[in-house]
Amino acid sequence: MPQIPSDPPNTCPVCESGYESVSEHDGGLMIALNDNEKYRRVCCAPRDTGDTAQIRFYHHAIDDASHC
């Protein structure tokens, strides 16, 4: 189940741009942005918590993605 991290960075670590939201996942997930009216792109960055490998998704809105 996705979680909202309590310590997100100010900018996306992948493209160094602003983002609208971030979620953290430690299990299976699916991404389909083909017809998404809100998000243009999602950058993914792995995160090692020591116990479990996790991945953070940085959700870029249509306006945010134009800067990347």
C-alpha atoms as a PDB file:
ATOM      1  CA  MET A   1       0.000   0.000   0.000  1.00  0.00           C
ATOM      2  CA  PRO A   2       1.421   3.439  -0.883  1.00  0.00           C
ATOM      3  CA  GLN A   3       2.492   5.782   1.877  1.00  0.00           C
ATOM      4  CA  ILE A   4       3.066   9.526   1.993  1.00  0.00           C
ATOM      5  CA  PRO A   5       6.652  10.127   3.193  1.00  0.00           C
ATOM      6  CA  SER A   6       7.134  12.448   6.157  1.00  0.00           C
ATOM      7  CA  ASP A   7      10.471  13.760   4.828  1.00  0.00           C
ATOM      8  CA  PRO A   8      10.055  14.477   1.091  1.00  0.00           C
ATOM      9  CA  PRO A   9      12.677  16.648  -0.631  1.00  0.00           C
ATOM     10  CA  ASN A  10      11.760  20.096  -1.961  1.00  0.00           C
ATOM     11  CA  THR A  11      12.518  19.084  -5.551  1.00  0.00           C
ATOM     12  CA  CYS A  12      12.423  15.825  -7.461  1.00  0.00           C
ATOM     13  CA  PRO A  13      15.818  14.069  -7.109  1.00  0.00           C
ATOM     14  CA  VAL A  14      15.505  12.644 -10.631  1.00  0.00           C
ATOM     15  CA  CYS A  15      14.892  15.807 -12.690  1.00  0.00           C
ATOM     16  CA  GLU A  16      15.490  18.475  -9.989  1.00  0.00           C
ATOM     17  CA  SER A  17      12.127  20.147 -10.707  1.00  0.00           C
ATOM     18  CA  GLY A  18       9.142  20.838  -8.506  1.00  0.00           C
ATOM     19  CA  TYR A  19       6.438  18.196  -8.173  1.00  0.00           C
ATOM     20  CA  GLU A  20       2.841  18.122  -7.011  1.00  0.00           C
ATOM     21  CA  SER A  21       2.947  15.089  -4.716  1.00  0.00           C
ATOM     22  CA  VAL A  22       5.090  12.116  -3.724  1.00  0.00           C
ATOM     23  CA  SER A  23       4.221   8.565  -2.686  1.00  0.00           C
ATOM     24  CA  GLU A  24       6.390   5.726  -1.398  1.00  0.00           C
ATOM     25  CA  HIS A  25       5.832   2.057  -2.271  1.00  0.00           C
ATOM     26  CA  ASP A  26       7.271  -1.192  -0.924  1.00  0.00           C
ATOM     27  CA  GLY A  27       5.174  -3.642  -2.915  1.00  0.00           C
ATOM     28  CA  GLY A  28       3.694  -4.182  -6.340  1.00  0.00           C
ATOM     29  CA  LEU A  29       2.444  -1.245  -8.345  1.00  0.00           C
ATOM     30  CA  MET A  30       1.155  -0.297 -11.774  1.00  0.00           C
ATOM     31  CA  ILE A  31       1.656   2.933 -13.713  1.00  0.00           C
ATOM     32  CA  ALA A  32      -0.605   4.020 -16.577  1.00  0.00           C
ATOM     33  CA  LEU A  33      -0.482   7.712 -17.534  1.00  0.00           C
ATOM     34  CA  ASN A  34      -1.761   7.438 -21.109  1.00  0.00           C
ATOM     35  CA  ASP A  35      -5.014   9.309 -20.525  1.00  0.00           C
ATOM     36  CA  ASN A  36      -4.220  11.038 -17.254  1.00  0.00           C
ATOM     37  CA  GLU A  37      -5.508  14.626 -17.222  1.00  0.00           C
ATOM     38  CA  LYS A  38      -3.657  15.580 -14.030  1.00  0.00           C
ATOM     39  CA  TYR A  39      -0.137  14.137 -14.282  1.00  0.00           C
ATOM     40  CA  ARG A  40       2.156  14.319 -17.306  1.00  0.00           C
ATOM     41  CA  ARG A  41       4.988  12.271 -15.849  1.00  0.00           C
ATOM     42  CA  VAL A  42       6.029  10.374 -12.733  1.00  0.00           C
ATOM     43  CA  CYS A  43       9.730  10.201 -11.852  1.00  0.00           C
ATOM     44  CA  CYS A  44      10.835   7.158  -9.832  1.00  0.00           C
ATOM     45  CA  ALA A  45      13.698   7.047  -7.335  1.00  0.00           C
ATOM     46  CA  PRO A  46      14.744   4.009  -5.267  1.00  0.00           C
ATOM     47  CA  ARG A  47      15.118   4.421  -1.526  1.00  0.00           C
ATOM     48  CA  ASP A  48      16.840   2.044   0.885  1.00  0.00           C
ATOM     49  CA  THR A  49      15.368   2.244   4.377  1.00  0.00           C
ATOM     50  CA  GLY A  50      17.691  -0.421   5.744  1.00  0.00           C
ATOM     51  CA  ASP A  51      14.872  -2.908   6.293  1.00  0.00           C
ATOM     52  CA  THR A  52      13.016  -2.801   3.002  1.00  0.00           C
ATOM     53  CA  ALA A  53      13.784  -1.527  -0.464  1.00  0.00           C
ATOM     54  CA  GLN A  54      11.250   1.130  -1.419  1.00  0.00           C
ATOM     55  CA  ILE A  55      10.614   3.386  -4.368  1.00  0.00           C
ATOM     56  CA  ARG A  56       9.339   6.952  -4.341  1.00  0.00           C
ATOM     57  CA  PHE A  57       7.149   8.328  -7.096  1.00  0.00           C
ATOM     58  CA  TYR A  58       7.294  12.071  -7.775  1.00  0.00           C
ATOM     59  CA  HIS A  59       4.070  13.088  -9.525  1.00  0.00           C
ATOM     60  CA  HIS A  60       4.550  15.961 -11.976  1.00  0.00           C
ATOM     61  CA  ALA A  61       1.412  17.844 -12.969  1.00  0.00           C
ATOM     62  CA  ILE A  62       0.972  18.991 -16.559  1.00  0.00           C
ATOM     63  CA  ASP A  63       2.374  22.445 -15.683  1.00  0.00           C
ATOM     64  CA  ASP A  64       5.295  21.023 -13.633  1.00  0.00           C
ATOM     65  CA  ALA A  65       6.393  18.648 -16.395  1.00  0.00           C
ATOM     66  CA  SER A  66       6.894  21.468 -18.883  1.00  0.00           C
ATOM     67  CA  HIS A  67       9.976  22.511 -16.865  1.00  0.00           C
ATOM     68  CA  CYS A  68      11.654  19.095 -17.106  1.00  0.00           C
END
